[in-house]
Protein backbone atom coordinates (compact mmCIF):
# COMPACT_ATOMS: atom_id res chain seq x y z
CA UNK A 1 0.00 0.00 0.00
CA UNK A 2 1.35 3.41 -0.94
CA UNK A 3 1.97 6.13 1.67
CA UNK A 4 -1.01 8.02 0.29
CA UNK A 5 -3.19 5.00 0.96
CA UNK A 6 -1.83 4.60 4.48
CA UNK A 7 -2.68 8.13 5.51
CA UNK A 8 -6.15 9.25 6.55
CA UNK A 9 -7.64 11.26 3.72
CA UNK A 10 -9.98 14.01 4.83
CA UNK A 11 -12.78 13.21 2.44
CA UNK A 12 -14.59 16.10 0.83
CA UNK A 13 -18.16 16.45 2.07
CA UNK A 14 -21.05 17.80 0.09
CA UNK A 15 -22.27 21.37 0.18
CA UNK A 16 -25.71 21.23 1.80
CA UNK A 17 -26.88 23.93 -0.61
CA UNK A 18 -26.55 21.35 -3.36
CA UNK A 19 -29.99 19.66 -3.66
CA UNK A 20 -28.24 16.40 -4.58
CA UNK A 21 -25.82 16.52 -1.63
CA UNK A 22 -27.08 13.14 -0.44
CA UNK A 23 -25.87 11.58 -3.70
CA UNK A 24 -22.45 13.19 -3.33
CA UNK A 25 -22.15 11.88 0.22
CA UNK A 26 -23.30 8.41 -0.82
CA UNK A 27 -20.63 8.33 -3.51
CA UNK A 28 -18.06 9.37 -0.90
CA UNK A 29 -19.09 6.43 1.30
CA UNK A 30 -19.04 3.91 -1.55
CA UNK A 31 -15.65 5.16 -2.72
CA UNK A 32 -14.22 4.89 0.78
CA UNK A 33 -15.36 1.30 1.23
CA UNK A 34 -14.10 0.25 -2.20
CA UNK A 35 -10.73 1.88 -1.49
CA UNK A 36 -10.22 0.40 1.98
CA UNK A 37 -12.25 -2.82 1.86
CA UNK A 38 -12.36 -3.65 -1.84
CA UNK A 39 -10.56 -6.97 -1.26
CA UNK A 40 -13.52 -8.08 0.90
CA UNK A 41 -15.99 -7.67 -1.97
CA UNK A 42 -16.67 -10.30 -4.61
CA UNK A 43 -16.15 -9.65 -8.32
CA UNK A 44 -19.91 -9.61 -8.79
CA UNK A 45 -20.33 -6.99 -6.04
CA UNK A 46 -17.57 -4.83 -7.52
CA UNK A 47 -19.20 -5.05 -10.94
CA UNK A 48 -22.54 -3.99 -9.50
CA UNK A 49 -20.96 -0.99 -7.76
CA UNK A 50 -19.16 -0.05 -10.96
CA UNK A 51 -22.51 -0.07 -12.76
CA UNK A 52 -23.85 2.38 -10.18
CA UNK A 53 -21.38 4.97 -11.41
CA UNK A 54 -22.38 4.44 -15.06
CA UNK A 55 -25.95 5.55 -14.34
CA UNK A 56 -26.91 9.12 -15.08
CA UNK A 57 -26.92 11.54 -12.19
CA UNK A 58 -30.75 11.55 -11.81
CA UNK A 59 -30.82 7.73 -11.83
CA UNK A 60 -28.01 7.54 -9.24
CA UNK A 61 -29.83 10.07 -7.07
CA UNK A 62 -33.14 8.20 -7.25
CA UNK A 63 -31.41 4.90 -6.49
CA UNK A 64 -29.73 6.55 -3.47
CA UNK A 65 -33.10 7.80 -2.24
CA UNK A 66 -34.46 4.26 -2.46
CA UNK A 67 -31.49 2.81 -0.58
CA UNK A 68 -32.00 5.38 2.17
CA UNK A 69 -35.66 4.53 2.70
CA UNK A 70 -36.89 1.76 4.99
CA UNK A 71 -37.25 -1.64 3.37
CA UNK A 72 -36.64 -2.72 -0.20
CA UNK A 73 -40.21 -2.45 -1.60
CA UNK A 74 -41.49 0.74 -3.23
CA UNK A 75 -44.51 1.99 -5.09
CA UNK A 76 -43.22 3.76 -8.14
CA UNK A 77 -46.04 6.33 -7.96
CA UNK A 78 -44.81 7.39 -4.50
CA UNK A 79 -41.26 8.25 -5.60
CA UNK A 80 -41.43 12.05 -5.77
CA UNK A 81 -38.09 13.88 -5.87
CA UNK A 82 -38.24 17.13 -7.85
CA UNK A 83 -34.51 17.83 -7.35
CA UNK A 84 -33.73 15.07 -9.89
CA UNK A 85 -34.38 17.56 -12.70
CA UNK A 86 -36.08 14.91 -14.84
CA UNK A 87 -39.35 12.96 -14.46
CA UNK A 88 -38.98 10.22 -11.85
CA UNK A 89 -40.32 7.70 -14.36
CA UNK A 90 -37.40 8.36 -16.72
CA UNK A 91 -34.81 7.83 -13.98
CA UNK A 92 -36.68 4.74 -12.79
CA UNK A 93 -36.70 3.23 -16.28
CA UNK A 94 -32.92 3.62 -16.45
CA UNK A 95 -32.48 1.91 -13.07
CA UNK A 96 -34.76 -0.94 -14.20
CA UNK A 97 -32.88 -1.42 -17.48
CA UNK A 98 -29.60 -1.64 -15.54
CA UNK A 99 -30.96 -4.59 -13.56
CA UNK A 100 -31.23 -3.02 -10.11
CA UNK A 101 -34.92 -3.75 -9.64
CA UNK A 102 -37.40 -6.61 -9.58
CA UNK A 103 -40.33 -5.08 -11.45
CA UNK A 104 -42.91 -7.71 -10.47
CA UNK A 105 -41.97 -8.89 -6.96
CA UNK A 106 -43.92 -11.36 -4.89
CA UNK A 107 -45.61 -9.66 -1.93
CA UNK A 108 -46.73 -11.25 1.32
CA UNK A 109 -50.04 -10.08 2.72
CA UNK A 110 -48.17 -8.07 5.36
CA UNK A 111 -46.11 -6.33 2.67
CA UNK A 112 -49.21 -5.61 0.62
CA UNK A 113 -50.96 -4.01 3.59
CA UNK A 114 -47.92 -1.86 4.34
CA UNK A 115 -47.79 -0.50 0.80
CA UNK A 116 -51.47 0.22 0.13
CA UNK A 117 -54.15 2.19 1.92
CA UNK A 118 -57.44 0.80 3.17
CA UNK A 119 -59.27 2.57 0.34
CA UNK A 120 -57.00 0.92 -2.22
CA UNK A 121 -57.27 -2.53 -0.63
CA UNK A 122 -61.00 -2.74 0.11
CA UNK A 123 -62.39 -3.16 -3.45
CA UNK A 124 -60.16 -6.17 -4.12
CA UNK A 125 -60.53 -7.64 -0.63
CA UNK A 126 -64.34 -7.47 -0.32
CA UNK A 127 -64.95 -10.75 -2.20
CA UNK A 128 -62.23 -12.48 -0.19
CA UNK A 129 -63.73 -11.25 3.06
CA UNK A 130 -67.22 -12.40 2.08
CA UNK A 131 -65.83 -15.83 1.19
CA UNK A 132 -64.25 -15.95 4.65
CA UNK A 133 -67.56 -14.99 6.29
CA UNK A 134 -66.29 -11.59 7.37
CA UNK A 135 -67.98 -8.20 6.93
CA UNK A 136 -66.64 -6.11 4.07
CA UNK A 137 -66.21 -2.95 6.18
CA UNK A 138 -63.54 -4.28 8.53
CA UNK A 139 -60.78 -1.80 9.52
CA UNK A 140 -57.38 -2.42 7.98
CA UNK A 141 -55.79 -4.29 10.87
CA UNK A 142 -58.73 -6.67 11.36
CA UNK A 143 -58.99 -7.17 7.59
CA UNK A 144 -55.36 -8.29 7.51
CA UNK A 145 -55.86 -10.66 10.45
CA UNK A 146 -58.97 -12.17 8.84
CA UNK A 147 -57.13 -12.94 5.58
CA UNK A 148 -53.69 -13.90 6.86
CA UNK A 149 -54.35 -17.60 7.48
CA UNK A 150 -56.27 -18.01 4.21
CA UNK A 151 -53.52 -16.43 2.10
CA UNK A 152 -50.12 -17.39 3.56
CA UNK A 153 -48.29 -17.42 0.23
CA UNK A 154 -46.94 -14.31 -1.53
CA UNK A 155 -48.42 -13.12 -4.79
CA UNK A 156 -47.59 -10.41 -7.31
CA UNK A 157 -49.52 -7.17 -6.87
CA UNK A 158 -51.71 -7.81 -9.93
CA UNK A 159 -52.89 -11.11 -8.43
CA UNK A 160 -53.67 -9.38 -5.15
CA UNK A 161 -55.36 -6.23 -6.45
CA UNK A 162 -56.01 -6.72 -10.16
CA UNK A 163 -54.29 -5.64 -13.36
CA UNK A 164 -54.86 -1.92 -12.73
CA UNK A 165 -53.10 -1.84 -9.35
CA UNK A 166 -50.30 0.65 -8.88
CA UNK A 167 -46.98 -1.05 -9.72
CA UNK A 168 -44.60 -2.17 -6.97
CA UNK A 169 -40.84 -2.65 -7.37
CA UNK A 170 -38.21 -4.28 -5.19
CA UNK A 171 -34.57 -3.17 -4.94
CA UNK A 172 -32.61 -6.36 -5.55
CA UNK A 173 -29.30 -5.21 -4.08
CA UNK A 174 -30.24 -3.95 -0.61
CA UNK A 175 -28.06 -6.69 0.93
CA UNK A 176 -25.05 -5.26 -0.93
CA UNK A 177 -25.75 -1.76 0.35
CA UNK A 178 -26.17 -3.14 3.87
CA UNK A 179 -22.77 -4.79 3.56
CA UNK A 180 -21.26 -1.51 2.37
CA UNK A 181 -22.97 0.35 5.21
CA UNK A 182 -21.55 -2.13 7.72
CA UNK A 183 -18.00 -1.82 6.43
CA UNK A 184 -18.22 1.98 6.55
CA UNK A 185 -19.95 2.50 9.90
CA UNK A 186 -18.78 -0.66 11.65
CA UNK A 187 -22.39 -1.27 12.68
CA UNK A 188 -25.86 -1.60 11.20
CA UNK A 189 -27.44 0.61 13.85
CA UNK A 190 -26.74 3.72 11.81
CA UNK A 191 -28.87 4.12 8.71
CA UNK A 192 -27.89 5.68 5.43
CA UNK A 193 -30.20 8.58 6.06
CA UNK A 194 -28.62 9.26 9.48
CA UNK A 195 -25.27 9.82 7.87
CA UNK A 196 -25.79 10.70 4.23
CA UNK A 197 -28.39 13.35 5.00
CA UNK A 198 -27.29 14.74 8.33
CA UNK A 199 -23.95 13.92 9.87
CA UNK A 200 -21.30 14.18 7.20
CA UNK A 201 -19.05 17.20 7.47
CA UNK A 202 -20.80 18.94 10.34
CA UNK A 203 -17.85 18.64 12.70
CA UNK A 204 -14.07 18.73 12.68
CA UNK A 205 -12.72 15.20 13.06
CA UNK A 206 -9.37 13.89 14.21
CA UNK A 207 -7.37 12.48 11.26
CA UNK A 208 -6.75 8.78 11.85
CA UNK A 209 -4.21 6.70 9.98
CA UNK A 210 -5.88 3.81 8.16
CA UNK A 211 -3.78 0.76 7.36
CA UNK A 212 -4.78 -2.79 6.43
CA UNK A 213 -3.85 -3.84 9.97
CA UNK A 214 -6.17 -1.29 11.55
CA UNK A 215 -9.25 -2.36 9.63
CA UNK A 216 -12.08 -3.84 11.66
CA UNK A 217 -12.61 -6.57 9.07
CA UNK A 218 -9.61 -8.45 7.75
CA UNK A 219 -11.57 -11.19 6.00
CA UNK A 220 -14.89 -11.41 4.24
CA UNK A 221 -15.85 -14.17 6.68
CA UNK A 222 -15.72 -11.58 9.49
CA UNK A 223 -18.23 -9.39 7.68
CA UNK A 224 -20.40 -12.48 7.24
CA UNK A 225 -20.02 -13.23 10.96
CA UNK A 226 -21.21 -9.75 11.90
CA UNK A 227 -24.21 -10.03 9.58
CA UNK A 228 -25.10 -13.42 11.07
CA UNK A 229 -24.96 -11.99 14.62
CA UNK A 230 -27.03 -9.00 13.51
CA UNK A 231 -29.65 -11.38 12.15
CA UNK A 232 -29.72 -13.25 15.49
CA UNK A 233 -30.25 -9.99 17.36
CA UNK A 234 -33.07 -8.99 15.01
CA UNK A 235 -34.74 -12.35 15.61
CA UNK A 236 -34.53 -11.79 19.36
CA UNK A 237 -36.05 -8.33 18.95
CA UNK A 238 -38.84 -9.83 16.86
CA UNK A 239 -39.67 -12.33 19.61
CA UNK A 240 -38.24 -15.49 18.06
CA UNK A 241 -37.76 -18.09 20.80
CA UNK A 242 -34.30 -18.01 22.36
CA UNK A 243 -33.63 -21.72 21.82
CA UNK A 244 -34.23 -21.26 18.09
CA UNK A 245 -31.86 -18.29 17.90
CA UNK A 246 -29.26 -20.19 19.95
CA UNK A 247 -28.87 -22.69 17.09
CA UNK A 248 -27.88 -19.84 14.74
CA UNK A 249 -25.36 -18.08 17.00
CA UNK A 250 -21.99 -18.20 15.20
CA UNK A 251 -18.94 -19.80 16.78
CA UNK A 252 -16.41 -17.58 18.60
CA UNK A 253 -13.98 -15.54 16.52
CA UNK A 254 -10.35 -14.51 16.95
CA UNK A 255 -11.42 -10.94 16.11
CA UNK A 256 -11.53 -9.09 19.45
CA UNK A 257 -14.23 -6.58 18.65
CA UNK A 258 -16.46 -9.21 17.01
CA UNK A 259 -16.00 -11.30 20.15
CA UNK A 260 -17.23 -8.31 22.15
CA UNK A 261 -20.34 -8.09 19.96
CA UNK A 262 -20.94 -11.83 20.35
CA UNK A 263 -20.68 -11.43 24.13
CA UNK A 264 -23.44 -8.80 24.06
CA UNK A 265 -25.59 -11.00 21.83
CA UNK A 266 -25.23 -13.92 24.26
CA UNK A 267 -26.10 -11.66 27.19
CA UNK A 268 -29.35 -10.63 25.50
CA UNK A 269 -30.09 -14.21 24.45
CA UNK A 270 -29.63 -15.33 28.05
CA UNK A 271 -32.01 -12.63 29.28
CA UNK A 272 -34.70 -13.67 26.82
CA UNK A 273 -34.17 -17.38 27.52
CA UNK A 274 -34.67 -16.68 31.24
CA UNK A 275 -37.86 -14.70 30.55
CA UNK A 276 -39.10 -17.57 28.40
CA UNK A 277 -38.49 -20.12 31.16
CA UNK A 278 -35.44 -21.67 29.46
CA UNK A 279 -33.24 -21.49 32.55
CA UNK A 280 -30.71 -24.10 31.44
CA UNK A 281 -30.17 -22.29 28.16
CA UNK A 282 -29.95 -18.95 29.95
CA UNK A 283 -27.17 -20.27 32.20
CA UNK A 284 -25.29 -21.61 29.20
CA UNK A 285 -25.60 -18.31 27.37
CA UNK A 286 -24.49 -16.27 30.38
CA UNK A 287 -21.55 -18.61 31.00
CA UNK A 288 -20.50 -18.33 27.35
CA UNK A 289 -20.65 -14.54 27.34
CA UNK A 290 -17.66 -12.47 28.41
CA UNK A 291 -19.82 -9.37 28.99
CA UNK A 292 -19.30 -7.79 32.41
CA UNK A 293 -23.03 -8.06 33.21
CA UNK A 294 -23.30 -11.73 32.26
CA UNK A 295 -21.61 -13.15 35.35
CA UNK A 296 -23.90 -11.30 37.76
CA UNK A 297 -26.88 -12.53 35.72
CA UNK A 298 -25.51 -16.06 35.91
CA UNK A 299 -25.05 -15.90 39.69
CA UNK A 300 -28.52 -14.47 40.32
CA UNK A 301 -30.10 -17.16 38.17
CA UNK A 302 -28.17 -19.89 40.00
CA UNK A 303 -29.53 -18.43 43.25
CA UNK A 304 -33.10 -18.57 41.97
CA UNK A 305 -32.51 -22.17 40.90
CA UNK A 306 -31.22 -22.90 44.45
CA UNK A 307 -27.85 -24.02 43.08
CA UNK A 308 -26.17 -22.13 45.88
CA UNK A 309 -22.96 -24.12 46.14
CA UNK A 310 -22.24 -23.67 42.45
CA UNK A 311 -22.95 -19.94 42.70
CA UNK A 312 -20.70 -19.65 45.77
CA UNK A 313 -17.77 -21.28 43.96
CA UNK A 314 -18.07 -18.91 40.99
CA UNK A 315 -18.59 -15.82 43.15
CA UNK A 316 -15.71 -16.66 45.49
CA UNK A 317 -13.29 -16.96 42.59
CA UNK A 318 -14.60 -13.83 40.93
CA UNK A 319 -14.16 -11.58 43.96
CA UNK A 320 -10.39 -11.84 43.66
CA UNK A 321 -10.40 -10.21 40.22
CA UNK A 322 -10.36 -6.53 39.34
CA UNK A 323 -13.96 -5.30 39.34
CA UNK A 324 -15.81 -2.15 38.55
CA UNK A 325 -17.74 -0.51 41.37
CA UNK A 326 -21.06 -1.82 40.11
CA UNK A 327 -19.70 -5.36 39.79
CA UNK A 328 -18.14 -5.24 43.26
CA UNK A 329 -21.36 -3.95 44.77
CA UNK A 330 -23.51 -6.62 43.09
CA UNK A 331 -21.07 -9.41 43.91
CA UNK A 332 -20.85 -8.39 47.59
CA UNK A 333 -24.63 -8.61 47.93
CA UNK A 334 -24.71 -12.05 46.31
CA UNK A 335 -21.88 -13.38 48.50
CA UNK A 336 -23.65 -12.14 51.61
CA UNK A 337 -26.87 -13.96 50.67
CA UNK A 338 -25.06 -17.14 49.68
CA UNK A 339 -22.97 -17.20 52.87
CA UNK A 340 -26.14 -17.02 54.94
CA UNK A 341 -27.67 -19.98 53.10
CA UNK A 342 -24.54 -22.13 53.07
CA UNK A 343 -23.25 -21.36 56.56
CA UNK A 344 -20.11 -19.83 55.11
CA UNK A 345 -18.30 -16.82 56.46
CA UNK A 346 -19.24 -13.84 54.29
CA UNK A 347 -16.48 -11.54 53.11
CA UNK A 348 -16.16 -8.52 55.39
CA UNK A 349 -18.18 -5.56 54.16
CA UNK A 350 -16.07 -2.82 52.66
CA UNK A 351 -15.27 -0.05 55.06
CA UNK A 352 -17.46 2.98 54.48
CA UNK A 353 -15.14 5.97 54.22
CA UNK A 354 -16.28 9.21 55.78
CA UNK A 355 -17.51 11.70 53.20
CA UNK A 356 -16.95 15.31 54.24
CA UNK A 357 -20.19 17.31 54.43
CA UNK A 358 -20.88 21.02 54.78
CA UNK A 359 -24.15 22.92 55.00
CA UNK A 360 -24.90 26.42 53.78
CA UNK A 361 -27.99 28.50 54.42
CA UNK A 362 -28.27 30.91 51.52
CA UNK A 363 -30.80 33.38 50.14
CA UNK A 364 -32.71 31.73 47.34
CA UNK A 365 -31.71 33.35 44.03
CA UNK A 366 -34.41 34.68 41.74
CA UNK A 367 -32.72 33.02 38.78
CA UNK A 368 -30.06 30.36 38.40
CA UNK A 369 -29.49 26.94 39.88
CA UNK A 370 -28.38 25.93 43.36
CA UNK A 371 -24.92 25.08 41.99
CA UNK A 372 -24.41 28.64 40.78
CA UNK A 373 -25.67 29.99 44.11
CA UNK A 374 -22.96 28.01 45.94
CA UNK A 375 -20.36 28.95 43.38
CA UNK A 376 -21.10 32.65 43.82
CA UNK A 377 -21.15 32.31 47.61
CA UNK A 378 -17.70 30.67 47.71
CA UNK A 379 -16.00 32.61 44.94
CA UNK A 380 -13.00 34.75 45.86
CA UNK A 381 -10.49 36.35 43.56
CA UNK A 382 -7.74 34.46 45.34
CA UNK A 383 -9.79 31.24 45.39
CA UNK A 384 -11.92 31.03 42.21
CA UNK A 385 -14.76 28.51 42.03
CA UNK A 386 -15.92 27.10 38.68
CA UNK A 387 -18.87 24.92 37.69
CA UNK A 388 -17.31 21.97 35.85
CA UNK A 389 -19.23 18.81 36.82
CA UNK A 390 -18.05 15.98 34.50
CA UNK A 391 -16.13 18.16 32.06
CA UNK A 392 -12.83 19.00 33.79
CA UNK A 393 -11.38 15.59 34.72
CA UNK A 394 -12.67 14.03 31.52
CA UNK A 395 -11.24 16.93 29.53
CA UNK A 396 -7.80 16.69 31.13
CA UNK A 397 -7.80 12.95 30.48
CA UNK A 398 -8.83 13.45 26.86
CA UNK A 399 -6.10 16.03 26.26
CA UNK A 400 -3.36 13.99 27.92
CA UNK A 401 -4.32 10.71 26.22
CA UNK A 402 -5.46 12.15 22.87
CA UNK A 403 -3.02 10.16 20.74
CA UNK A 404 -3.91 6.94 22.58
CA UNK A 405 -7.64 7.49 22.22
CA UNK A 406 -7.26 7.98 18.47
CA UNK A 407 -4.72 5.22 17.87
CA UNK A 408 -5.67 3.16 14.77
CA UNK A 409 -6.57 0.01 16.69
CA UNK A 410 -8.53 -2.63 14.73
CA UNK A 411 -12.25 -2.18 15.22
CA UNK A 412 -11.87 1.39 16.49
CA UNK A 413 -12.23 3.51 13.35
CA UNK A 414 -14.04 2.68 10.15
CA UNK A 415 -14.04 6.03 8.36
CA UNK A 416 -12.72 9.57 8.88
CA UNK A 417 -15.84 10.89 10.59
CA UNK A 418 -15.68 9.30 14.04
CA UNK A 419 -16.24 11.43 17.15
CA UNK A 420 -14.24 8.80 19.05
CA UNK A 421 -13.24 5.14 18.80
CA UNK A 422 -16.07 2.70 18.23
CA UNK A 423 -14.79 0.43 21.01
CA UNK A 424 -14.65 3.19 23.63
CA UNK A 425 -17.04 1.53 26.09
CA UNK A 426 -16.13 -2.07 25.30
CA UNK A 427 -14.40 -4.05 28.00
CA UNK A 428 -11.16 -4.49 26.06
CA UNK A 429 -10.75 -0.79 25.24
CA UNK A 430 -7.96 -0.29 27.79
CA UNK A 431 -6.26 -3.67 27.44
CA UNK A 432 -5.80 -3.15 23.69
CA UNK A 433 -4.00 0.16 24.39
CA UNK A 434 -2.39 -0.69 27.72
CA UNK A 435 1.18 0.19 26.75
CA UNK A 436 0.16 3.53 25.28
CA UNK A 437 -1.89 4.46 28.37
CA UNK A 438 1.06 3.59 30.59
CA UNK A 439 3.19 6.01 28.57
CA UNK A 440 0.57 8.70 29.30
CA UNK A 441 0.78 7.94 33.02
CA UNK A 442 4.58 8.06 32.80
CA UNK A 443 4.21 11.69 31.70
CA UNK A 444 2.36 12.38 34.95
CA UNK A 445 5.30 10.89 36.82
CA UNK A 446 8.07 12.73 34.98
CA UNK A 447 6.29 16.08 34.73
CA UNK A 448 5.92 16.23 30.94
CA UNK A 449 2.14 15.83 31.17
CA UNK A 450 1.62 19.59 31.32
CA UNK A 451 3.44 20.14 28.02
CA UNK A 452 1.46 17.33 26.34
CA UNK A 453 -1.91 18.64 27.58
CA UNK A 454 -1.18 22.21 26.49
CA UNK A 455 0.18 21.11 23.12
CA UNK A 456 -2.94 19.08 22.40
CA UNK A 457 -5.14 21.92 23.63
CA UNK A 458 -3.56 24.28 21.12
CA UNK A 459 -3.26 21.84 18.21
CA UNK A 460 -6.63 20.11 18.52
CA UNK A 461 -8.84 23.12 19.28
CA UNK A 462 -12.39 22.35 18.11
CA UNK A 463 -11.65 18.78 17.02
CA UNK A 464 -14.15 16.25 18.33
CA UNK A 465 -13.06 14.08 21.25
CA UNK A 466 -15.48 12.02 23.39
CA UNK A 467 -13.89 13.41 26.57
CA UNK A 468 -13.35 17.07 25.68
CA UNK A 469 -16.14 19.67 25.73
CA UNK A 470 -14.39 22.58 24.06
CA UNK A 471 -16.65 25.47 25.16
CA UNK A 472 -16.05 24.49 28.80
CA UNK A 473 -12.30 23.83 28.73
CA UNK A 474 -11.14 27.46 28.65
CA UNK A 475 -7.56 28.60 28.96
CA UNK A 476 -8.33 30.01 32.41
CA UNK A 477 -9.74 26.69 33.64
CA UNK A 478 -6.92 24.67 32.09
CA UNK A 479 -4.24 26.90 33.59
CA UNK A 480 -5.77 26.75 37.07
CA UNK A 481 -6.24 23.00 36.89
CA UNK A 482 -2.65 22.34 35.83
CA UNK A 483 -1.35 24.66 38.55
CA UNK A 484 -3.50 23.22 41.34
CA UNK A 485 -4.21 19.52 40.66
CA UNK A 486 -1.24 17.31 41.65
CA UNK A 487 -0.24 14.80 38.95
CA UNK A 488 -0.53 11.98 41.48
CA UNK A 489 -4.20 12.85 41.99
CA UNK A 490 -4.75 13.03 38.24
CA UNK A 491 -3.30 9.56 37.84
CA UNK A 492 -5.63 8.18 40.52
CA UNK A 493 -8.63 9.81 38.84
CA UNK A 494 -7.66 8.69 35.34
CA UNK A 495 -6.99 5.10 36.38
CA UNK A 496 -10.40 4.86 37.99
CA UNK A 497 -12.00 6.39 34.91
CA UNK A 498 -10.43 3.66 32.79
CA UNK A 499 -11.76 0.86 35.01
CA UNK A 500 -15.20 1.43 33.50
CA UNK A 501 -15.51 4.36 31.13
CA UNK A 502 -19.24 3.92 30.67
CA UNK A 503 -19.89 4.20 34.42
CA UNK A 504 -17.06 6.42 35.61
CA UNK A 505 -17.07 9.38 33.26
CA UNK A 506 -20.11 10.74 35.07
CA UNK A 507 -20.74 11.41 38.76
CA UNK A 508 -17.98 13.98 39.31
CA UNK A 509 -18.77 16.86 41.72
CA UNK A 510 -20.41 19.99 40.35
CA UNK A 511 -17.86 22.60 41.46
CA UNK A 512 -14.13 22.89 41.86
CA UNK A 513 -12.52 25.49 44.11
CA UNK A 514 -8.94 26.41 43.30
CA UNK A 515 -6.55 27.58 46.01
CA UNK A 516 -3.42 28.47 44.00
CA UNK A 517 -1.76 30.24 46.95
CA UNK A 518 -2.04 27.32 49.38
CA UNK A 519 1.33 26.38 50.90
CA UNK A 520 0.85 22.62 50.46
CA UNK A 521 0.79 21.51 46.79
CA UNK A 522 -1.83 18.81 47.46
CA UNK A 523 -4.20 21.29 49.12
CA UNK A 524 -4.66 23.65 46.20
CA UNK A 525 -8.11 22.49 45.12
CA UNK A 526 -11.34 20.99 46.39
CA UNK A 527 -14.20 19.37 44.50
CA UNK A 528 -17.70 20.13 45.79
CA UNK A 529 -20.90 18.25 45.05
CA UNK A 530 -23.93 20.52 45.59
CA UNK A 531 -27.30 19.25 46.78
CA UNK A 532 -30.27 21.55 47.09
CA UNK A 533 -33.23 21.08 49.42
CA UNK A 534 -34.78 17.64 48.91
CA UNK A 535 -32.00 16.44 46.60
CA UNK A 536 -29.85 13.42 47.45
CA UNK A 537 -26.69 11.76 46.24
CA UNK A 538 -26.94 9.25 43.39
CA UNK A 539 -25.16 5.90 43.60
CA UNK A 540 -22.48 6.80 41.04
CA UNK A 541 -21.84 10.09 42.87
CA UNK A 542 -21.47 8.26 46.20
CA UNK A 543 -18.95 5.88 44.65
CA UNK A 544 -16.82 8.76 43.41
CA UNK A 545 -17.00 10.53 46.80
CA UNK A 546 -16.00 7.34 48.62
CA UNK A 547 -13.10 6.95 46.22
CA UNK A 548 -12.00 10.52 46.93
CA UNK A 549 -12.14 9.85 50.67
CA UNK A 550 -10.09 6.66 50.42
CA UNK A 551 -7.49 8.24 48.14
CA UNK A 552 -7.21 11.47 50.12
CA UNK A 553 -8.50 13.60 47.26
CA UNK A 554 -10.10 16.78 48.66
CA UNK A 555 -13.85 16.65 48.08
CA UNK A 556 -17.04 17.37 49.99
CA UNK A 557 -20.81 17.47 49.69
CA UNK A 558 -22.45 20.83 50.21
CA UNK A 559 -26.08 20.69 51.36
CA UNK A 560 -27.98 23.92 50.78
CA UNK A 561 -30.95 25.30 52.69
CA UNK A 562 -32.74 28.44 51.60
CA UNK A 563 -33.10 31.20 54.17
CA UNK A 564 -36.80 31.69 53.49
CA UNK A 565 -37.48 27.99 54.05
CA UNK A 566 -35.54 28.02 57.33
CA UNK A 567 -37.49 31.06 58.59
CA UNK A 568 -40.80 29.32 57.84
CA UNK A 569 -39.65 26.24 59.74
């Protein structure tokens, strides 16, 4: 691969003033996939994509509109796009002649009822309803139910509604476009319309180096594996019985991020199996899943099945591993219950650290929140107080570890328009970058962290990062934070953040008070969680505050009472 191919190309995005911008963006997507994943496409698929580009612009635009819509069936009389510049029928004829469409598709009764209105259906259905002993004036839903068992087989629209029915067409290559969409987005959750119409080019994105090694899919079989797992998940969502879906779950893969997706699929399959009374299958699914929630689900199910000894053995082994707060909390509760039933000695409850509390009685402001009232009350020129909540610590982490976050790890980036890595909240996010994160922490130890944070702040200004909220991270805030927060405290905070990014990047205190003139370097700041009258701490906030107390990080909870309320009492 040439150096030009190895580098991330900042693809040109369409001008939204162009009425055919969606076509331009679609062509950008198709070109990207062919350039970076062309070896994963068959010769037939490449030929079909090449034929897309031979169509006239109106035909390509109409075909793009069809791809972007839901489903693969369309009524040709409903395709109305004046920006094509030619009659829709002319563009449609060209698409038909090029072999993209089935012009006389078989329709199930469900498909027929989705495409046609009650007024269009009733004349043709009246004789069928009378033959079934049903009244002719049934509403649409009841009409469908009455005919479904009598007409299980699909028919062409003329056989359903007569020769004068409005024509229906089916796009024959939707599976190819789904495959292209998957290789571009790295998921099938995002639709073409989400991206082609809205997202492209609206933000400034971090350039990421794309190499063959960094691709999410190295083999066509991996794309097939993803599609098979996606089908299993759709079946579960549609209510297909878990034991039927279980037979179709693909075997494990060596691909780490596909393994993570399979773990989530097995977690959901286990949940549905349990709801459907298939407890044995649920246990097998939970045990086969590496998802962090699966083991707690497995233990709770074993409890309900009164297999306490088995649950105790699993839980006892698990408690010696590194756990997130939520896992540790759930496991401690299970061990306590199991110990009681088995006559075992439960593990000692974790010591509850003392959380510092203060109370202020303040005049209730006419406008503004309780957090701003406390901020204004505490603010001094020599000790500024800022409302930062989850933005400051996350922002400092994002600036220090920017290059690690955007490293071209397989399964992390699929195209140049990612806000952050696709595997950010997966369980192997840190382990796949462990060496690089340790280099970031080494900067905290040797003092070079400040230079790295400031350099990234200047160089990356406005570029999207899942941890950095640019309007909040001002130069004033950054300067105060770097002057007042000891690097040892930053390392403690960042390491806990990485234990479970999904859980731990929220729950930080509302305010931070800086004390730049304090004699002791580790006493130059304090984080303050504010609670107004009637408000209480949330679980994730308590866990952070307990962590601060254990680690000696200055933090407190400020409870506020309003003066008027106190006078009334």
